[in-house]
Structures are given as C-alpha cells and as structure tokens.
C-alpha atoms as a PDB file:
ATOM      1  CA  MET A   1     -64.597  61.944 -34.218  1.00  0.00           C
ATOM      2  CA  LEU A   2     -61.098  62.732 -32.949  1.00  0.00           C
ATOM      3  CA  TYR A   3     -58.128  60.416 -33.383  1.00  0.00           C
ATOM      4  CA  PRO A   4     -54.293  60.602 -33.080  1.00  0.00           C
ATOM      5  CA  LEU A   5     -53.381  63.696 -35.126  1.00  0.00           C
ATOM      6  CA  THR A   6     -50.286  64.625 -37.080  1.00  0.00           C
ATOM      7  CA  PHE A   7     -49.505  68.035 -38.576  1.00  0.00           C
ATOM      8  CA  GLN A   8     -47.564  69.646 -41.386  1.00  0.00           C
ATOM      9  CA  PRO A   9     -44.418  71.288 -39.998  1.00  0.00           C
ATOM     10  CA  ILE A  10     -43.904  75.036 -40.398  1.00  0.00           C
ATOM     11  CA  PHE A  11     -40.289  75.862 -41.295  1.00  0.00           C
ATOM     12  CA  LYS A  12     -38.630  79.078 -40.145  1.00  0.00           C
ATOM     13  CA  GLU A  13     -35.597  80.599 -41.832  1.00  0.00           C
ATOM     14  CA  ARG A  14     -33.099  81.850 -39.256  1.00  0.00           C
ATOM     15  CA  VAL A  15     -29.689  83.482 -39.668  1.00  0.00           C
ATOM     16  CA  TRP A  16     -28.255  80.917 -37.213  1.00  0.00           C
ATOM     17  CA  GLY A  17     -30.002  77.895 -38.782  1.00  0.00           C
ATOM     18  CA  GLY A  18     -28.737  75.067 -40.959  1.00  0.00           C
ATOM     19  CA  ARG A  19     -29.859  71.911 -42.792  1.00  0.00           C
ATOM     20  CA  ARG A  20     -29.630  69.275 -40.057  1.00  0.00           C
ATOM     21  CA  LEU A  21     -33.386  68.719 -39.921  1.00  0.00           C
ATOM     22  CA  GLU A  22     -33.162  67.470 -43.479  1.00  0.00           C
ATOM     23  CA  GLN A  23     -30.173  65.252 -42.710  1.00  0.00           C
ATOM     24  CA  LEU A  24     -31.399  63.812 -39.405  1.00  0.00           C
ATOM     25  CA  TYR A  25     -35.148  63.569 -39.970  1.00  0.00           C
ATOM     26  CA  GLY A  26     -35.722  63.764 -43.717  1.00  0.00           C
ATOM     27  CA  LYS A  27     -37.644  67.040 -43.456  1.00  0.00           C
ATOM     28  CA  SER A  28     -38.453  68.540 -46.862  1.00  0.00           C
ATOM     29  CA  LEU A  29     -36.858  71.923 -46.211  1.00  0.00           C
ATOM     30  CA  PRO A  30     -37.091  74.893 -48.571  1.00  0.00           C
ATOM     31  CA  PRO A  31     -33.973  74.772 -50.757  1.00  0.00           C
ATOM     32  CA  GLY A  32     -30.964  76.983 -50.277  1.00  0.00           C
ATOM     33  CA  VAL A  33     -31.868  78.725 -47.014  1.00  0.00           C
ATOM     34  CA  PRO A  34     -30.815  78.203 -43.379  1.00  0.00           C
ATOM     35  CA  ILE A  35     -33.734  76.660 -41.475  1.00  0.00           C
ATOM     36  CA  GLY A  36     -33.445  77.158 -37.737  1.00  0.00           C
ATOM     37  CA  GLU A  37     -36.869  76.048 -36.543  1.00  0.00           C
ATOM     38  CA  SER A  38     -39.508  73.496 -37.458  1.00  0.00           C
ATOM     39  CA  TRP A  39     -42.744  74.387 -35.698  1.00  0.00           C
ATOM     40  CA  GLU A  40     -44.313  70.975 -35.275  1.00  0.00           C
ATOM     41  CA  ILE A  41     -47.449  71.865 -33.282  1.00  0.00           C
ATOM     42  CA  SER A  42     -48.377  75.536 -33.306  1.00  0.00           C
ATOM     43  CA  ASP A  43     -51.430  77.717 -32.721  1.00  0.00           C
ATOM     44  CA  ARG A  44     -49.811  81.115 -33.198  1.00  0.00           C
ATOM     45  CA  PRO A  45     -51.526  83.894 -35.157  1.00  0.00           C
ATOM     46  CA  GLY A  46     -50.344  83.468 -38.735  1.00  0.00           C
ATOM     47  CA  ASP A  47     -48.627  80.166 -37.922  1.00  0.00           C
ATOM     48  CA  VAL A  48     -51.309  77.559 -37.222  1.00  0.00           C
ATOM     49  CA  SER A  49     -50.500  73.888 -37.769  1.00  0.00           C
ATOM     50  CA  VAL A  50     -52.554  72.089 -40.418  1.00  0.00           C
ATOM     51  CA  ILE A  51     -53.668  68.486 -39.860  1.00  0.00           C
ATOM     52  CA  LYS A  52     -52.159  66.100 -42.399  1.00  0.00           C
ATOM     53  CA  ASN A  53     -53.771  62.724 -41.543  1.00  0.00           C
ATOM     54  CA  GLY A  54     -57.255  61.230 -41.411  1.00  0.00           C
ATOM     55  CA  PRO A  55     -60.715  62.687 -42.026  1.00  0.00           C
ATOM     56  CA  LEU A  56     -59.770  66.117 -40.607  1.00  0.00           C
ATOM     57  CA  ALA A  57     -56.779  66.599 -42.936  1.00  0.00           C
ATOM     58  CA  GLY A  58     -56.656  70.221 -44.087  1.00  0.00           C
ATOM     59  CA  ARG A  59     -58.310  71.590 -40.936  1.00  0.00           C
ATOM     60  CA  ASP A  60     -56.036  73.460 -38.562  1.00  0.00           C
ATOM     61  CA  LEU A  61     -55.255  73.327 -34.867  1.00  0.00           C
ATOM     62  CA  HIS A  62     -57.058  76.567 -34.000  1.00  0.00           C
ATOM     63  CA  TRP A  63     -60.232  75.222 -35.638  1.00  0.00           C
ATOM     64  CA  LEU A  64     -59.864  72.124 -33.451  1.00  0.00           C
ATOM     65  CA  VAL A  65     -59.530  74.262 -30.330  1.00  0.00           C
ATOM     66  CA  GLU A  66     -62.624  76.277 -31.231  1.00  0.00           C
ATOM     67  CA  GLN A  67     -64.814  73.368 -32.356  1.00  0.00           C
ATOM     68  CA  HIS A  68     -63.624  70.492 -30.161  1.00  0.00           C
ATOM     69  CA  GLY A  69     -61.823  72.214 -27.295  1.00  0.00           C
ATOM     70  CA  LYS A  70     -63.009  70.005 -24.433  1.00  0.00           C
ATOM     71  CA  ASP A  71     -62.490  66.742 -26.305  1.00  0.00           C
ATOM     72  CA  LEU A  72     -59.071  67.893 -27.487  1.00  0.00           C
ATOM     73  CA  LEU A  73     -57.729  69.461 -24.305  1.00  0.00           C
ATOM     74  CA  GLY A  74     -59.589  67.821 -21.424  1.00  0.00           C
ATOM     75  CA  ASP A  75     -58.571  69.643 -18.251  1.00  0.00           C
ATOM     76  CA  ALA A  76     -55.721  71.572 -19.905  1.00  0.00           C
ATOM     77  CA  GLY A  77     -56.278  75.313 -20.069  1.00  0.00           C
ATOM     78  CA  LEU A  78     -55.936  77.635 -23.050  1.00  0.00           C
ATOM     79  CA  GLN A  79     -53.180  80.225 -23.531  1.00  0.00           C
ATOM     80  CA  GLY A  80     -54.786  83.470 -24.659  1.00  0.00           C
ATOM     81  CA  GLY A  81     -57.668  81.537 -26.239  1.00  0.00           C
ATOM     82  CA  ARG A  82     -55.308  79.233 -28.111  1.00  0.00           C
ATOM     83  CA  PHE A  83     -53.708  75.793 -27.786  1.00  0.00           C
ATOM     84  CA  PRO A  84     -51.498  76.013 -24.669  1.00  0.00           C
ATOM     85  CA  LEU A  85     -48.184  74.687 -26.038  1.00  0.00           C
ATOM     86  CA  LEU A  86     -45.831  75.422 -28.916  1.00  0.00           C
ATOM     87  CA  VAL A  87     -43.615  72.492 -29.937  1.00  0.00           C
ATOM     88  CA  LYS A  88     -40.521  72.893 -32.129  1.00  0.00           C
ATOM     89  CA  ILE A  89     -37.317  71.315 -33.329  1.00  0.00           C
ATOM     90  CA  LEU A  90     -34.395  73.771 -33.433  1.00  0.00           C
ATOM     91  CA  ASP A  91     -31.261  73.480 -35.552  1.00  0.00           C
ATOM     92  CA  ALA A  92     -28.545  75.810 -34.278  1.00  0.00           C
ATOM     93  CA  ARG A  93     -25.700  75.740 -36.789  1.00  0.00           C
ATOM     94  CA  GLU A  94     -24.457  78.925 -35.095  1.00  0.00           C
ATOM     95  CA  LYS A  95     -25.053  80.408 -31.649  1.00  0.00           C
ATOM     96  CA  LEU A  96     -28.395  82.067 -30.981  1.00  0.00           C
ATOM     97  CA  SER A  97     -28.623  85.531 -29.486  1.00  0.00           C
ATOM     98  CA  LEU A  98     -28.228  85.983 -25.736  1.00  0.00           C
ATOM     99  CA  GLN A  99     -31.843  86.514 -24.723  1.00  0.00           C
ATOM    100  CA  VAL A 100     -34.621  86.336 -22.152  1.00  0.00           C
ATOM    101  CA  HIS A 101     -38.392  85.847 -22.137  1.00  0.00           C
ATOM    102  CA  PRO A 102     -40.503  88.028 -19.825  1.00  0.00           C
ATOM    103  CA  PRO A 103     -41.957  86.542 -16.642  1.00  0.00           C
ATOM    104  CA  ALA A 104     -45.719  86.643 -16.167  1.00  0.00           C
ATOM    105  CA  ALA A 105     -45.481  89.538 -13.690  1.00  0.00           C
ATOM    106  CA  LYS A 106     -43.758  91.736 -16.302  1.00  0.00           C
ATOM    107  CA  ALA A 107     -44.982  90.494 -19.671  1.00  0.00           C
ATOM    108  CA  ALA A 108     -48.184  92.545 -19.994  1.00  0.00           C
ATOM    109  CA  GLU A 109     -46.425  95.701 -18.850  1.00  0.00           C
ATOM    110  CA  LEU A 110     -43.763  95.181 -21.527  1.00  0.00           C
ATOM    111  CA  GLY A 111     -46.273  94.337 -24.239  1.00  0.00           C
ATOM    112  CA  GLY A 112     -45.215  90.689 -24.536  1.00  0.00           C
ATOM    113  CA  GLU A 113     -46.149  87.205 -23.385  1.00  0.00           C
ATOM    114  CA  PRO A 114     -44.469  85.031 -20.731  1.00  0.00           C
ATOM    115  CA  LYS A 115     -42.584  82.050 -22.092  1.00  0.00           C
ATOM    116  CA  THR A 116     -41.408  79.105 -20.011  1.00  0.00           C
ATOM    117  CA  GLU A 117     -39.766  76.296 -21.969  1.00  0.00           C
ATOM    118  CA  MET A 118     -37.635  73.181 -21.787  1.00  0.00           C
ATOM    119  CA  TRP A 119     -34.974  71.868 -24.144  1.00  0.00           C
ATOM    120  CA  PHE A 120     -34.127  68.260 -24.896  1.00  0.00           C
ATOM    121  CA  ILE A 121     -30.799  67.801 -26.678  1.00  0.00           C
ATOM    122  CA  ALA A 122     -31.377  65.457 -29.617  1.00  0.00           C
ATOM    123  CA  ASP A 123     -27.993  65.910 -31.303  1.00  0.00           C
ATOM    124  CA  ALA A 124     -24.822  67.706 -30.216  1.00  0.00           C
ATOM    125  CA  ALA A 125     -21.511  68.428 -31.887  1.00  0.00           C
ATOM    126  CA  PRO A 126     -18.360  67.811 -29.798  1.00  0.00           C
ATOM    127  CA  GLY A 127     -17.860  70.683 -27.352  1.00  0.00           C
ATOM    128  CA  ALA A 128     -21.440  71.989 -27.700  1.00  0.00           C
ATOM    129  CA  GLU A 129     -22.808  74.072 -24.849  1.00  0.00           C
ATOM    130  CA  LEU A 130     -25.795  76.003 -23.603  1.00  0.00           C
ATOM    131  CA  TYR A 131     -25.860  79.431 -22.004  1.00  0.00           C
ATOM    132  CA  ALA A 132     -28.314  79.352 -19.080  1.00  0.00           C
ATOM    133  CA  GLY A 133     -28.633  81.672 -16.110  1.00  0.00           C
ATOM    134  CA  LEU A 134     -25.966  83.942 -14.687  1.00  0.00           C
ATOM    135  CA  ARG A 135     -22.501  83.133 -13.449  1.00  0.00           C
ATOM    136  CA  ARG A 136     -22.531  83.124  -9.671  1.00  0.00           C
ATOM    137  CA  GLY A 137     -22.113  86.581  -8.174  1.00  0.00           C
ATOM    138  CA  VAL A 138     -22.899  88.626 -11.285  1.00  0.00           C
ATOM    139  CA  THR A 139     -24.851  91.755 -10.342  1.00  0.00           C
ATOM    140  CA  ARG A 140     -27.263  93.813 -12.409  1.00  0.00           C
ATOM    141  CA  GLU A 141     -24.747  96.672 -12.434  1.00  0.00           C
ATOM    142  CA  GLN A 142     -22.015  94.401 -13.801  1.00  0.00           C
ATOM    143  CA  PHE A 143     -24.400  92.967 -16.364  1.00  0.00           C
ATOM    144  CA  GLU A 144     -25.388  96.426 -17.642  1.00  0.00           C
ATOM    145  CA  ARG A 145     -21.753  97.518 -17.859  1.00  0.00           C
ATOM    146  CA  LYS A 146     -20.840  94.385 -19.807  1.00  0.00           C
ATOM    147  CA  ILE A 147     -23.691  95.032 -22.265  1.00  0.00           C
ATOM    148  CA  HIS A 148     -22.212  98.425 -23.118  1.00  0.00           C
ATOM    149  CA  GLU A 149     -18.713  96.944 -23.336  1.00  0.00           C
ATOM    150  CA  GLY A 150     -19.896  94.207 -25.690  1.00  0.00           C
ATOM    151  CA  THR A 151     -18.749  91.452 -23.313  1.00  0.00           C
ATOM    152  CA  VAL A 152     -22.048  90.476 -21.650  1.00  0.00           C
ATOM    153  CA  ALA A 153     -21.528  86.830 -22.671  1.00  0.00           C
ATOM    154  CA  ASP A 154     -18.981  86.719 -19.821  1.00  0.00           C
ATOM    155  CA  CYS A 155     -21.916  87.012 -17.388  1.00  0.00           C
ATOM    156  CA  PHE A 156     -23.682  83.879 -18.645  1.00  0.00           C
ATOM    157  CA  HIS A 157     -23.344  80.435 -17.088  1.00  0.00           C
ATOM    158  CA  ARG A 158     -22.136  78.004 -19.770  1.00  0.00           C
ATOM    159  CA  VAL A 159     -23.107  74.322 -19.606  1.00  0.00           C
ATOM    160  CA  PRO A 160     -21.442  71.599 -21.736  1.00  0.00           C
ATOM    161  CA  VAL A 161     -24.087  69.275 -23.185  1.00  0.00           C
ATOM    162  CA  LYS A 162     -24.466  66.058 -25.129  1.00  0.00           C
ATOM    163  CA  ALA A 163     -27.375  64.199 -26.725  1.00  0.00           C
ATOM    164  CA  GLY A 164     -29.876  63.119 -24.047  1.00  0.00           C
ATOM    165  CA  ASP A 165     -29.356  66.139 -21.777  1.00  0.00           C
ATOM    166  CA  ALA A 166     -32.234  68.476 -20.902  1.00  0.00           C
ATOM    167  CA  MET A 167     -32.558  72.001 -19.492  1.00  0.00           C
ATOM    168  CA  PHE A 168     -35.528  73.844 -17.958  1.00  0.00           C
ATOM    169  CA  LEU A 169     -35.868  77.555 -18.748  1.00  0.00           C
ATOM    170  CA  PRO A 170     -38.482  79.438 -16.725  1.00  0.00           C
ATOM    171  CA  SER A 171     -39.410  82.904 -17.911  1.00  0.00           C
ATOM    172  CA  GLY A 172     -36.806  85.378 -16.690  1.00  0.00           C
ATOM    173  CA  ARG A 173     -33.816  83.039 -17.111  1.00  0.00           C
ATOM    174  CA  VAL A 174     -31.225  84.481 -19.517  1.00  0.00           C
ATOM    175  CA  HIS A 175     -30.115  81.911 -22.056  1.00  0.00           C
ATOM    176  CA  ALA A 176     -28.861  81.016 -25.503  1.00  0.00           C
ATOM    177  CA  ILE A 177     -28.306  77.867 -27.532  1.00  0.00           C
ATOM    178  CA  GLY A 178     -24.714  77.268 -28.568  1.00  0.00           C
ATOM    179  CA  ALA A 179     -23.576  76.181 -32.027  1.00  0.00           C
ATOM    180  CA  GLY A 180     -23.890  72.600 -33.223  1.00  0.00           C
ATOM    181  CA  LEU A 181     -27.094  71.605 -31.406  1.00  0.00           C
ATOM    182  CA  VAL A 182     -30.421  70.109 -32.473  1.00  0.00           C
ATOM    183  CA  ILE A 183     -33.047  70.576 -29.776  1.00  0.00           C
ATOM    184  CA  PHE A 184     -36.630  69.468 -29.198  1.00  0.00           C
ATOM    185  CA  GLU A 185     -38.352  72.400 -27.486  1.00  0.00           C
ATOM    186  CA  ILE A 186     -41.585  72.213 -25.476  1.00  0.00           C
ATOM    187  CA  GLN A 187     -42.797  75.654 -24.475  1.00  0.00           C
ATOM    188  CA  GLN A 188     -45.645  77.805 -23.346  1.00  0.00           C
ATOM    189  CA  ASN A 189     -47.520  79.188 -26.364  1.00  0.00           C
ATOM    190  CA  SER A 190     -45.649  82.470 -26.717  1.00  0.00           C
ATOM    191  CA  ASP A 191     -43.268  84.055 -29.196  1.00  0.00           C
ATOM    192  CA  THR A 192     -41.855  86.950 -27.149  1.00  0.00           C
ATOM    193  CA  THR A 193     -38.057  87.120 -27.060  1.00  0.00           C
ATOM    194  CA  TYR A 194     -35.911  90.013 -25.872  1.00  0.00           C
ATOM    195  CA  ARG A 195     -32.357  90.003 -27.247  1.00  0.00           C
ATOM    196  CA  VAL A 196     -29.577  91.179 -24.964  1.00  0.00           C
ATOM    197  CA  PHE A 197     -26.693  90.661 -27.425  1.00  0.00           C
ATOM    198  CA  ASP A 198     -26.398  89.066 -30.873  1.00  0.00           C
ATOM    199  CA  TRP A 199     -22.651  88.630 -31.414  1.00  0.00           C
ATOM    200  CA  ASN A 200     -22.495  91.757 -33.638  1.00  0.00           C
ATOM    201  CA  ARG A 201     -23.830  89.788 -36.617  1.00  0.00           C
ATOM    202  CA  LEU A 202     -26.174  90.870 -39.374  1.00  0.00           C
ATOM    203  CA  GLY A 203     -29.649  89.482 -39.880  1.00  0.00           C
ATOM    204  CA  LEU A 204     -31.056  87.841 -43.003  1.00  0.00           C
ATOM    205  CA  ASP A 205     -31.794  91.322 -44.380  1.00  0.00           C
ATOM    206  CA  GLY A 206     -28.159  92.386 -44.053  1.00  0.00           C
ATOM    207  CA  ASN A 207     -28.842  94.751 -41.154  1.00  0.00           C
ATOM    208  CA  PRO A 208     -27.983  94.368 -37.441  1.00  0.00           C
ATOM    209  CA  ARG A 209     -30.756  92.564 -35.608  1.00  0.00           C
ATOM    210  CA  THR A 210     -32.781  94.602 -33.116  1.00  0.00           C
ATOM    211  CA  LEU A 211     -31.752  94.387 -29.466  1.00  0.00           C
ATOM    212  CA  HIS A 212     -34.164  94.888 -26.541  1.00  0.00           C
ATOM    213  CA  VAL A 213     -31.884  95.969 -23.720  1.00  0.00           C
ATOM    214  CA  ALA A 214     -34.423  97.850 -21.578  1.00  0.00           C
ATOM    215  CA  GLU A 215     -37.012  95.051 -21.862  1.00  0.00           C
ATOM    216  CA  SER A 216     -34.355  92.439 -21.115  1.00  0.00           C
ATOM    217  CA  LEU A 217     -33.164  94.215 -17.988  1.00  0.00           C
ATOM    218  CA  ALA A 218     -36.766  94.451 -16.777  1.00  0.00           C
ATOM    219  CA  SER A 219     -37.274  90.702 -17.380  1.00  0.00           C
ATOM    220  CA  ILE A 220     -34.069  89.046 -16.162  1.00  0.00           C
ATOM    221  CA  ASP A 221     -34.047  87.233 -12.826  1.00  0.00           C
ATOM    222  CA  PHE A 222     -30.795  88.546 -11.334  1.00  0.00           C
ATOM    223  CA  THR A 223     -30.906  85.918  -8.564  1.00  0.00           C
ATOM    224  CA  ASP A 224     -30.819  82.999 -11.034  1.00  0.00           C
ATOM    225  CA  PHE A 225     -27.276  81.624 -10.780  1.00  0.00           C
ATOM    226  CA  GLU A 226     -25.767  78.593 -12.550  1.00  0.00           C
ATOM    227  CA  PRO A 227     -28.776  76.300 -13.092  1.00  0.00           C
ATOM    228  CA  SER A 228     -28.070  72.610 -13.607  1.00  0.00           C
ATOM    229  CA  LEU A 229     -29.209  70.255 -16.317  1.00  0.00           C
ATOM    230  CA  LEU A 230     -32.337  68.283 -15.443  1.00  0.00           C
ATOM    231  CA  ARG A 231     -31.539  65.182 -13.398  1.00  0.00           C
ATOM    232  CA  SER A 232     -34.015  62.511 -12.388  1.00  0.00           C
ATOM    233  CA  ALA A 233     -34.142  58.849 -11.451  1.00  0.00           C
ATOM    234  CA  LEU A 234     -35.178  56.272 -14.016  1.00  0.00           C
ATOM    235  CA  VAL A 235     -38.431  54.378 -13.450  1.00  0.00           C
ATOM    236  CA  ASN A 236     -38.139  50.819 -14.758  1.00  0.00           C
ATOM    237  CA  GLU A 237     -41.423  49.252 -15.894  1.00  0.00           C
ATOM    238  CA  GLY A 238     -40.192  46.098 -17.614  1.00  0.00           C
ATOM    239  CA  PRO A 239     -39.779  46.832 -21.319  1.00  0.00           C
ATOM    240  CA  VAL A 240     -40.511  50.536 -20.641  1.00  0.00           C
ATOM    241  CA  ILE A 241     -38.113  52.907 -18.866  1.00  0.00           C
ATOM    242  CA  ARG A 242     -39.399  56.345 -17.926  1.00  0.00           C
ATOM    243  CA  ARG A 243     -37.308  59.390 -17.058  1.00  0.00           C
ATOM    244  CA  PRO A 244     -39.352  62.305 -15.674  1.00  0.00           C
ATOM    245  CA  LEU A 245     -37.811  65.541 -16.931  1.00  0.00           C
ATOM    246  CA  VAL A 246     -39.935  68.452 -15.762  1.00  0.00           C
ATOM    247  CA  ARG A 247     -43.342  69.199 -14.235  1.00  0.00           C
ATOM    248  CA  THR A 248     -44.511  72.794 -13.963  1.00  0.00           C
ATOM    249  CA  PRO A 249     -47.939  74.439 -13.568  1.00  0.00           C
ATOM    250  CA  LEU A 250     -47.829  74.809 -17.389  1.00  0.00           C
ATOM    251  CA  PHE A 251     -46.649  71.422 -18.677  1.00  0.00           C
ATOM    252  CA  MET A 252     -44.890  68.174 -17.925  1.00  0.00           C
ATOM    253  CA  VAL A 253     -42.372  66.291 -20.049  1.00  0.00           C
ATOM    254  CA  GLU A 254     -40.946  62.801 -19.695  1.00  0.00           C
ATOM    255  CA  LEU A 255     -38.576  60.619 -21.706  1.00  0.00           C
ATOM    256  CA  ILE A 256     -39.712  57.060 -22.415  1.00  0.00           C
ATOM    257  CA  ASP A 257     -37.519  54.246 -23.749  1.00  0.00           C
ATOM    258  CA  VAL A 258     -39.486  51.304 -25.128  1.00  0.00           C
ATOM    259  CA  LYS A 259     -37.516  48.160 -25.890  1.00  0.00           C
ATOM    260  CA  THR A 260     -40.317  46.368 -27.725  1.00  0.00           C
ATOM    261  CA  GLY A 261     -44.035  45.687 -27.430  1.00  0.00           C
ATOM    262  CA  VAL A 262     -46.940  47.959 -26.550  1.00  0.00           C
ATOM    263  CA  LEU A 263     -47.162  51.114 -24.445  1.00  0.00           C
ATOM    264  CA  LYS A 264     -50.699  52.163 -23.460  1.00  0.00           C
ATOM    265  CA  LEU A 265     -51.628  55.845 -23.259  1.00  0.00           C
ATOM    266  CA  ASN A 266     -54.829  55.625 -21.231  1.00  0.00           C
ATOM    267  CA  LYS A 267     -54.655  58.742 -19.070  1.00  0.00           C
ATOM    268  CA  ARG A 268     -57.486  60.597 -20.867  1.00  0.00           C
ATOM    269  CA  ARG A 269     -55.343  63.719 -21.028  1.00  0.00           C
ATOM    270  CA  MET A 270     -54.141  65.670 -24.037  1.00  0.00           C
ATOM    271  CA  GLN A 271     -50.681  64.307 -24.843  1.00  0.00           C
ATOM    272  CA  ILE A 272     -47.991  65.090 -27.401  1.00  0.00           C
ATOM    273  CA  ILE A 273     -45.823  62.201 -28.513  1.00  0.00           C
ATOM    274  CA  ALA A 274     -42.490  62.972 -30.203  1.00  0.00           C
ATOM    275  CA  CYS A 275     -40.376  60.210 -31.721  1.00  0.00           C
ATOM    276  CA  LEU A 276     -36.691  60.731 -30.972  1.00  0.00           C
ATOM    277  CA  SER A 277     -35.434  57.432 -32.370  1.00  0.00           C
ATOM    278  CA  GLY A 278     -36.788  54.176 -33.741  1.00  0.00           C
ATOM    279  CA  ALA A 279     -40.302  53.849 -35.161  1.00  0.00           C
ATOM    280  CA  MET A 280     -43.733  53.366 -33.619  1.00  0.00           C
ATOM    281  CA  GLN A 281     -47.410  53.020 -34.450  1.00  0.00           C
ATOM    282  CA  LEU A 282     -50.086  54.888 -32.479  1.00  0.00           C
ATOM    283  CA  ALA A 283     -53.536  53.340 -32.781  1.00  0.00           C
ATOM    284  CA  HIS A 284     -57.048  53.947 -31.464  1.00  0.00           C
ATOM    285  CA  GLU A 285     -60.224  52.167 -32.604  1.00  0.00           C
ATOM    286  CA  GLY A 286     -59.185  51.601 -36.201  1.00  0.00           C
ATOM    287  CA  SER A 287     -57.243  54.843 -36.628  1.00  0.00           C
ATOM    288  CA  SER A 288     -53.467  54.590 -36.656  1.00  0.00           C
ATOM    289  CA  VAL A 289     -50.405  56.612 -37.541  1.00  0.00           C
ATOM    290  CA  TRP A 290     -46.727  55.721 -37.862  1.00  0.00           C
ATOM    291  CA  LEU A 291     -44.049  57.994 -36.407  1.00  0.00           C
ATOM    292  CA  GLY A 292     -40.366  57.992 -37.246  1.00  0.00           C
ATOM    293  CA  PRO A 293     -37.572  60.164 -35.796  1.00  0.00           C
ATOM    294  CA  GLY A 294     -38.464  63.849 -35.732  1.00  0.00           C
ATOM    295  CA  GLU A 295     -42.215  63.256 -36.077  1.00  0.00           C
ATOM    296  CA  PHE A 296     -44.966  64.244 -33.634  1.00  0.00           C
ATOM    297  CA  CYS A 297     -48.495  63.167 -32.788  1.00  0.00           C
ATOM    298  CA  LEU A 298     -51.162  64.973 -30.771  1.00  0.00           C
ATOM    299  CA  VAL A 299     -53.349  62.581 -28.773  1.00  0.00           C
ATOM    300  CA  PRO A 300     -56.688  64.247 -27.879  1.00  0.00           C
ATOM    301  CA  ALA A 301     -57.795  63.962 -24.254  1.00  0.00           C
ATOM    302  CA  VAL A 302     -61.075  62.255 -25.177  1.00  0.00           C
ATOM    303  CA  LEU A 303     -59.279  59.166 -26.464  1.00  0.00           C
ATOM    304  CA  ASP A 304     -58.726  56.255 -24.134  1.00  0.00           C
ATOM    305  CA  GLN A 305     -56.630  53.132 -24.667  1.00  0.00           C
ATOM    306  CA  VAL A 306     -54.353  54.591 -27.328  1.00  0.00           C
ATOM    307  CA  THR A 307     -51.620  52.034 -27.933  1.00  0.00           C
ATOM    308  CA  VAL A 308     -48.052  52.688 -29.029  1.00  0.00           C
ATOM    309  CA  THR A 309     -46.548  49.628 -30.695  1.00  0.00           C
ATOM    310  CA  VAL A 310     -42.783  49.331 -31.072  1.00  0.00           C
ATOM    311  CA  ASP A 311     -41.172  46.519 -33.054  1.00  0.00           C
ATOM    312  CA  SER A 312     -37.668  47.357 -31.826  1.00  0.00           C
ATOM    313  CA  ALA A 313     -36.188  49.965 -29.512  1.00  0.00           C
ATOM    314  CA  ALA A 314     -37.675  53.456 -29.702  1.00  0.00           C
ATOM    315  CA  THR A 315     -37.370  56.623 -27.617  1.00  0.00           C
ATOM    316  CA  ILE A 316     -40.299  58.959 -27.008  1.00  0.00           C
ATOM    317  CA  LEU A 317     -40.590  62.458 -25.601  1.00  0.00           C
ATOM    318  CA  ARG A 318     -44.086  62.677 -24.069  1.00  0.00           C
ATOM    319  CA  SER A 319     -45.649  65.986 -23.000  1.00  0.00           C
ATOM    320  CA  GLU A 320     -48.861  67.097 -21.350  1.00  0.00           C
ATOM    321  CA  ALA A 321     -50.287  70.575 -20.794  1.00  0.00           C
ATOM    322  CA  ASP A 322     -51.684  71.446 -17.359  1.00  0.00           C
END
C-alpha cells in the first residue's frame, strides 16, 4: 500500500525570513510576507504534513504513523508518539536570535523538548557565518554579565561558511544562523527554543520578542567551545560519491552526488531523500515521483529496491531516523 511519499510544504512567516525559497526552489510562498521556514516533513501538533501524491493524497503524516507505523518507520522509534524527525528549509535574510535548545536531562524540568539538529548550507551570501558554541574560555559568569550588558554575542564562536558546509548542533549548544543563508535542517521532532538575545529587534507584532534567559542558562553546555564544521572522507562508488555527515542515536545524514544512472535504496529503513540540485526520479513497483531542487520524498521502511534515476548530475541529502 505504501510508496515513495511527497508532502505539501508548510510555510512559516518569520521576522528574519525572506523570499529566497521562491527564487531558488520555485516555492509558492504567501505573497508579501517574509518566509523564514518551509516545514517539508512535519508531525507537530497543529502542523502535520499532508501527502500530495498517489492514492493517499490528502491523508497526513500523523495518520500514517498511527495506521501504518511499522511499515512506515521500520526499526525507527517515535518521538512522543509522533514521527521522529522534523525536516525544514530555512531562509535567513537576517540573523536569527542567539538561542539554545534544552538537553534531554533538562527538557522535562523546563517544560520543553530536547532538540538535536544538523544544518546543511545550501546557499550562502559572501561573508556568511554561523554562531555555534562558545568562544574558548568563556565562563558562565562572563556569559551572564554579557547578557545584561547586551553584548552576549561576543561570547559566541563564529564560523565562516559557504554552500556545501554542514554543522552538527546537539541539544545544549548555543547557536544562531547568520544573515544570507539558506539551510536544509534535519532535526529531532521538537519545537522548543530558548532565546538568549534577539539583537534588540521587534517581532512581527511590533513588540520585542520574548527572551528565555533563565531557561537558556539552565540548558547551555558551558564546556562546549568552538565546534568545527562537519568533516568526513568521501566514499567513491563509481558514479556515486557519498559523504557521511553525521550519525547520532537519533538520526544519520549523508550527502550523495550521483553523476548519472541509478542509485538503489534497498536498506529497508525509513529514509528521507532531499534534492539539493539536479533532478531525479524515485520509483518502486509502478509508483514513481520526480524531485527537483528543494523537494523531498519520504521512503517508507517496508519498501525494498527503490531506485533513484538521474539523467545528469544530481546531489541528494539522505537521512534516516534511528
């Protein structure tokens, strides 16, 4: 019954957002508003992705989890009774707030959910940078003082980035996305964010956005100094080149360059395929779907011998939940 699934994106207006998702990927954005996030695969309360292809079109992802959980997920576990991952594209026209997500050991106590994530840089303006972790030697006392002085950004490690770079962000790592970046984000299914500082700007409602200083201080890993971008060796498999990016107890992500021909997805695991560039066809027993840049497909675990056909060069971001 299941087949390669695509979903209708859910667009999120953000004060720091822009219109790049329309320009880069042809997304049909709501007119006249800054869109910062496109939730491509989501099972959040109130924000559940709706299937747009095949016989199940109109059903949603949470229905799939409830009715076909084992066939959909295989060995992957649920997150609070829901699909384990949340997959987005972010468009940061301006800098995001300096923020942190609570680690698992603190989340319940603070009334939130842990959130580990990774970023893949799809597009970057000249001079773009990430904020990730603390500058070496910064103490909690210094950090608190800088919050009150309005200069806490001085405590953050800043990392210049370009398209093709990637960063891992475990819960507890302070971070922010700099201006001029489009990012593919693979994350634990959570939407808890504690803002440390928001550049003294107003929100979409014209009021200062809420800060969460006490929760942030309880969540930050004050031993997390100057993390590096993800580095890994390339694995050459003829017309396919793989670059492992991250493997955690929650998820794995790899980058795959396909020059031409067919890539077989026969692992019998739930997989998410994101097209970064080029075009590709995913097919299984008579069902097929075409993906272009900025489009995603969920491959249910029950499917075997799913083939990805590429006529010319294409780049894929492939994820699994553990």
